[in-house]
Amino acid sequence: MEKAHQLVAARRKSTAVVLGNLTLANIRHRDLDTATSYLHQAISVIERTRAGGGLNLAFAAARELRPWSDRPAVQDVNERLLTLMTP
């Protein structure tokens, strides 16, 4: 997790891709708390950099989180993603 914080501080577009991939890996291991934490971090980077690759991964992660859409943590990241799409 410390590495992720260092990545976010770097503010590079590639950071959003790394965090997006970490999100997907944790979803597939059913570690939703860690997955949503990484996804929040990825969204923060995307908000600053408008990283297209990271955005694609973030939405892919949101699709994989659908089975848990009733969980507040999942609802929070979905709301943040929707906010990204508003002009």
N, C-alpha and C. Protein backbone atom coordinates (compact mmCIF):
# COMPACT_ATOMS: atom_id res chain seq x y z
N MET A 1 0.83 -1.18 0.00
CA MET A 1 0.00 0.00 0.00
C MET A 1 0.87 1.25 0.00
N GLU A 2 2.02 1.20 0.67
CA GLU A 2 2.92 2.36 0.70
C GLU A 2 3.40 2.71 -0.70
N LYS A 3 3.68 1.70 -1.51
CA LYS A 3 4.10 1.93 -2.89
C LYS A 3 3.01 2.69 -3.65
N ALA A 4 1.77 2.34 -3.41
CA ALA A 4 0.66 3.02 -4.08
C ALA A 4 0.64 4.49 -3.71
N HIS A 5 0.89 4.79 -2.45
CA HIS A 5 0.91 6.20 -2.03
C HIS A 5 2.03 6.96 -2.73
N GLN A 6 3.17 6.31 -2.92
CA GLN A 6 4.28 6.93 -3.63
C GLN A 6 3.92 7.16 -5.09
N LEU A 7 3.21 6.20 -5.68
CA LEU A 7 2.79 6.34 -7.06
C LEU A 7 1.84 7.52 -7.24
N VAL A 8 0.88 7.64 -6.33
CA VAL A 8 -0.09 8.72 -6.42
C VAL A 8 0.63 10.07 -6.30
N ALA A 9 1.61 10.13 -5.43
CA ALA A 9 2.36 11.38 -5.26
C ALA A 9 3.12 11.75 -6.52
N ALA A 10 3.49 10.76 -7.34
CA ALA A 10 4.25 11.02 -8.57
C ALA A 10 3.42 11.77 -9.61
N ARG A 11 2.10 11.60 -9.57
CA ARG A 11 1.17 12.32 -10.46
C ARG A 11 1.45 12.08 -11.94
N ARG A 12 1.78 10.86 -12.30
CA ARG A 12 2.01 10.55 -13.70
C ARG A 12 0.83 9.76 -14.23
N LYS A 13 0.61 9.89 -15.53
CA LYS A 13 -0.51 9.17 -16.15
C LYS A 13 -0.35 7.66 -15.99
N SER A 14 0.88 7.17 -16.05
CA SER A 14 1.10 5.73 -15.90
C SER A 14 0.70 5.24 -14.52
N THR A 15 0.69 6.12 -13.55
CA THR A 15 0.27 5.75 -12.20
C THR A 15 -1.17 5.27 -12.19
N ALA A 16 -2.03 5.92 -12.94
CA ALA A 16 -3.44 5.51 -13.00
C ALA A 16 -3.57 4.11 -13.57
N VAL A 17 -2.73 3.77 -14.53
CA VAL A 17 -2.75 2.42 -15.13
C VAL A 17 -2.31 1.39 -14.10
N VAL A 18 -1.23 1.68 -13.38
CA VAL A 18 -0.75 0.74 -12.36
C VAL A 18 -1.82 0.54 -11.29
N LEU A 19 -2.40 1.62 -10.82
CA LEU A 19 -3.43 1.51 -9.79
C LEU A 19 -4.68 0.79 -10.31
N GLY A 20 -5.02 1.03 -11.57
CA GLY A 20 -6.14 0.32 -12.17
C GLY A 20 -5.90 -1.18 -12.22
N ASN A 21 -4.69 -1.57 -12.59
CA ASN A 21 -4.36 -3.00 -12.62
C ASN A 21 -4.34 -3.61 -11.23
N LEU A 22 -3.85 -2.86 -10.24
CA LEU A 22 -3.90 -3.34 -8.85
C LEU A 22 -5.35 -3.52 -8.40
N THR A 23 -6.20 -2.59 -8.82
CA THR A 23 -7.62 -2.70 -8.49
C THR A 23 -8.20 -3.99 -9.04
N LEU A 24 -7.95 -4.25 -10.33
CA LEU A 24 -8.50 -5.46 -10.96
C LEU A 24 -7.97 -6.73 -10.29
N ALA A 25 -6.68 -6.74 -9.97
CA ALA A 25 -6.10 -7.92 -9.32
C ALA A 25 -6.77 -8.19 -7.97
N ASN A 26 -7.02 -7.13 -7.21
CA ASN A 26 -7.64 -7.31 -5.90
C ASN A 26 -9.11 -7.69 -6.01
N ILE A 27 -9.80 -7.20 -7.02
CA ILE A 27 -11.19 -7.63 -7.24
C ILE A 27 -11.21 -9.13 -7.50
N ARG A 28 -10.31 -9.59 -8.33
CA ARG A 28 -10.27 -11.00 -8.70
C ARG A 28 -9.86 -11.90 -7.54
N HIS A 29 -9.22 -11.32 -6.52
CA HIS A 29 -8.89 -12.06 -5.30
C HIS A 29 -9.95 -11.85 -4.23
N ARG A 30 -11.02 -11.17 -4.59
CA ARG A 30 -12.15 -10.89 -3.71
C ARG A 30 -11.76 -10.03 -2.51
N ASP A 31 -10.72 -9.22 -2.66
CA ASP A 31 -10.32 -8.28 -1.60
C ASP A 31 -10.89 -6.91 -1.98
N LEU A 32 -12.17 -6.74 -1.68
CA LEU A 32 -12.89 -5.55 -2.12
C LEU A 32 -12.43 -4.27 -1.41
N ASP A 33 -12.04 -4.38 -0.16
CA ASP A 33 -11.58 -3.18 0.55
C ASP A 33 -10.32 -2.62 -0.10
N THR A 34 -9.38 -3.49 -0.38
CA THR A 34 -8.15 -3.03 -1.03
C THR A 34 -8.44 -2.58 -2.44
N ALA A 35 -9.29 -3.30 -3.15
CA ALA A 35 -9.63 -2.93 -4.53
C ALA A 35 -10.25 -1.54 -4.59
N THR A 36 -11.20 -1.26 -3.72
CA THR A 36 -11.84 0.05 -3.77
C THR A 36 -10.88 1.15 -3.32
N SER A 37 -9.96 0.83 -2.43
CA SER A 37 -8.96 1.80 -2.03
C SER A 37 -8.07 2.17 -3.22
N TYR A 38 -7.59 1.16 -3.94
CA TYR A 38 -6.78 1.43 -5.13
C TYR A 38 -7.58 2.18 -6.19
N LEU A 39 -8.85 1.83 -6.33
CA LEU A 39 -9.66 2.50 -7.33
C LEU A 39 -9.85 3.97 -6.97
N HIS A 40 -10.06 4.27 -5.71
CA HIS A 40 -10.15 5.68 -5.29
C HIS A 40 -8.86 6.42 -5.64
N GLN A 41 -7.73 5.77 -5.40
CA GLN A 41 -6.45 6.41 -5.70
C GLN A 41 -6.29 6.61 -7.21
N ALA A 42 -6.71 5.62 -7.99
CA ALA A 42 -6.63 5.74 -9.45
C ALA A 42 -7.50 6.91 -9.92
N ILE A 43 -8.69 7.02 -9.37
CA ILE A 43 -9.59 8.12 -9.76
C ILE A 43 -8.96 9.46 -9.42
N SER A 44 -8.30 9.55 -8.28
CA SER A 44 -7.64 10.80 -7.90
C SER A 44 -6.57 11.19 -8.92
N VAL A 45 -5.82 10.21 -9.39
CA VAL A 45 -4.79 10.49 -10.40
C VAL A 45 -5.46 10.88 -11.72
N ILE A 46 -6.51 10.19 -12.09
CA ILE A 46 -7.22 10.48 -13.34
C ILE A 46 -7.80 11.90 -13.30
N GLU A 47 -8.31 12.30 -12.14
CA GLU A 47 -8.85 13.67 -12.02
C GLU A 47 -7.79 14.72 -12.32
N ARG A 48 -6.55 14.44 -11.93
CA ARG A 48 -5.47 15.41 -12.14
C ARG A 48 -4.86 15.32 -13.53
N THR A 49 -4.77 14.11 -14.09
CA THR A 49 -4.01 13.91 -15.33
C THR A 49 -4.87 13.65 -16.55
N ARG A 50 -6.15 13.29 -16.32
CA ARG A 50 -7.06 12.89 -17.40
C ARG A 50 -6.47 11.72 -18.19
N ALA A 51 -5.87 10.79 -17.48
CA ALA A 51 -5.21 9.63 -18.07
C ALA A 51 -6.23 8.69 -18.72
N GLY A 52 -6.18 8.58 -20.04
CA GLY A 52 -7.15 7.77 -20.78
C GLY A 52 -7.04 6.29 -20.47
N GLY A 53 -5.83 5.75 -20.42
CA GLY A 53 -5.65 4.34 -20.11
C GLY A 53 -6.14 4.00 -18.72
N GLY A 54 -5.85 4.89 -17.79
CA GLY A 54 -6.32 4.69 -16.42
C GLY A 54 -7.83 4.76 -16.34
N LEU A 55 -8.43 5.64 -17.11
CA LEU A 55 -9.88 5.77 -17.13
C LEU A 55 -10.53 4.48 -17.65
N ASN A 56 -9.97 3.92 -18.70
CA ASN A 56 -10.49 2.65 -19.23
C ASN A 56 -10.42 1.54 -18.18
N LEU A 57 -9.31 1.46 -17.47
CA LEU A 57 -9.17 0.44 -16.42
C LEU A 57 -10.11 0.70 -15.26
N ALA A 58 -10.31 1.95 -14.92
CA ALA A 58 -11.22 2.28 -13.82
C ALA A 58 -12.65 1.83 -14.15
N PHE A 59 -13.08 2.06 -15.38
CA PHE A 59 -14.42 1.61 -15.76
C PHE A 59 -14.50 0.10 -15.89
N ALA A 60 -13.42 -0.54 -16.30
CA ALA A 60 -13.39 -2.01 -16.34
C ALA A 60 -13.53 -2.56 -14.91
N ALA A 61 -12.85 -1.93 -13.97
CA ALA A 61 -12.95 -2.35 -12.57
C ALA A 61 -14.38 -2.14 -12.06
N ALA A 62 -14.99 -1.03 -12.41
CA ALA A 62 -16.37 -0.77 -11.98
C ALA A 62 -17.31 -1.86 -12.49
N ARG A 63 -17.08 -2.29 -13.73
CA ARG A 63 -17.92 -3.38 -14.27
C ARG A 63 -17.71 -4.67 -13.46
N GLU A 64 -16.47 -4.95 -13.09
CA GLU A 64 -16.21 -6.17 -12.31
C GLU A 64 -16.73 -6.08 -10.88
N LEU A 65 -16.96 -4.86 -10.41
CA LEU A 65 -17.49 -4.67 -9.06
C LEU A 65 -19.02 -4.75 -9.01
N ARG A 66 -19.67 -4.88 -10.14
CA ARG A 66 -21.15 -4.90 -10.17
C ARG A 66 -21.78 -5.91 -9.22
N PRO A 67 -21.22 -7.12 -9.05
CA PRO A 67 -21.87 -8.05 -8.11
C PRO A 67 -21.96 -7.53 -6.68
N TRP A 68 -21.14 -6.54 -6.34
CA TRP A 68 -21.13 -5.97 -5.00
C TRP A 68 -21.66 -4.54 -5.00
N SER A 69 -22.51 -4.21 -5.95
CA SER A 69 -22.99 -2.83 -6.10
C SER A 69 -23.81 -2.34 -4.91
N ASP A 70 -24.24 -3.24 -4.05
CA ASP A 70 -25.01 -2.84 -2.87
C ASP A 70 -24.11 -2.38 -1.72
N ARG A 71 -22.81 -2.57 -1.85
CA ARG A 71 -21.88 -2.17 -0.79
C ARG A 71 -21.56 -0.67 -0.89
N PRO A 72 -21.55 0.01 0.24
CA PRO A 72 -21.28 1.45 0.22
C PRO A 72 -19.94 1.82 -0.44
N ALA A 73 -18.89 1.04 -0.21
CA ALA A 73 -17.58 1.35 -0.80
C ALA A 73 -17.64 1.30 -2.33
N VAL A 74 -18.39 0.35 -2.85
CA VAL A 74 -18.53 0.22 -4.31
C VAL A 74 -19.39 1.37 -4.84
N GLN A 75 -20.43 1.72 -4.13
CA GLN A 75 -21.27 2.84 -4.54
C GLN A 75 -20.47 4.14 -4.57
N ASP A 76 -19.57 4.31 -3.60
CA ASP A 76 -18.74 5.52 -3.55
C ASP A 76 -17.84 5.64 -4.78
N VAL A 77 -17.18 4.55 -5.16
CA VAL A 77 -16.29 4.65 -6.34
C VAL A 77 -17.11 4.85 -7.61
N ASN A 78 -18.28 4.23 -7.68
CA ASN A 78 -19.12 4.43 -8.86
C ASN A 78 -19.57 5.89 -8.98
N GLU A 79 -19.89 6.51 -7.86
CA GLU A 79 -20.28 7.92 -7.89
C GLU A 79 -19.11 8.80 -8.34
N ARG A 80 -17.92 8.49 -7.86
CA ARG A 80 -16.74 9.27 -8.28
C ARG A 80 -16.49 9.11 -9.78
N LEU A 81 -16.67 7.90 -10.30
CA LEU A 81 -16.49 7.68 -11.73
C LEU A 81 -17.51 8.47 -12.54
N LEU A 82 -18.74 8.49 -12.08
CA LEU A 82 -19.76 9.27 -12.78
C LEU A 82 -19.42 10.76 -12.76
N THR A 83 -18.87 11.22 -11.67
CA THR A 83 -18.47 12.62 -11.57
C THR A 83 -17.37 12.94 -12.56
N LEU A 84 -16.48 11.99 -12.81
CA LEU A 84 -15.42 12.20 -13.80
C LEU A 84 -15.99 12.50 -15.18
N MET A 85 -17.13 11.94 -15.47
CA MET A 85 -17.70 12.06 -16.81
C MET A 85 -18.51 13.34 -17.01
N THR A 86 -18.74 14.08 -15.93
CA THR A 86 -19.46 15.34 -16.09
C THR A 86 -18.50 16.43 -16.52
N PRO A 87 -18.95 17.32 -17.41
CA PRO A 87 -18.04 18.36 -17.92
C PRO A 87 -17.66 19.39 -16.88
